[in-house]
Amino acid sequence: MTYKNDDIKIKQIKELLPPVALLEKFPATDKAALTVQTARESIHQILTGNDDRLLVVIGPCSIHDPKAAIEHAQKLKKFMMN
């Protein structure tokens, strides 16, 4: 049963590509894949107590504006420790 107030804020529906299609269309570079692997290993070491660093997760919960996400990442990069 539907009501007049169902989905009243939905203006448009766009079909999303499945993740595997995105990976095929935009494959990760070797450098990007290494960055992800290294970060995941570091996080694992922190969560299992083998690394005493503090893990802080920040950022948008979703990216609906790619330009804003890139600007956010550039600002965060300034604070990254080498």
Foldseek 3Di string as FASTA:
>chain_A
DDDPPPPPVDDDDDDDDPPVVVCVVDPDDPVRVVVVVVVVVVVVCCVVVVDVDDDDDDDDPDDPDVVVRVVVVVVVVVVDDD
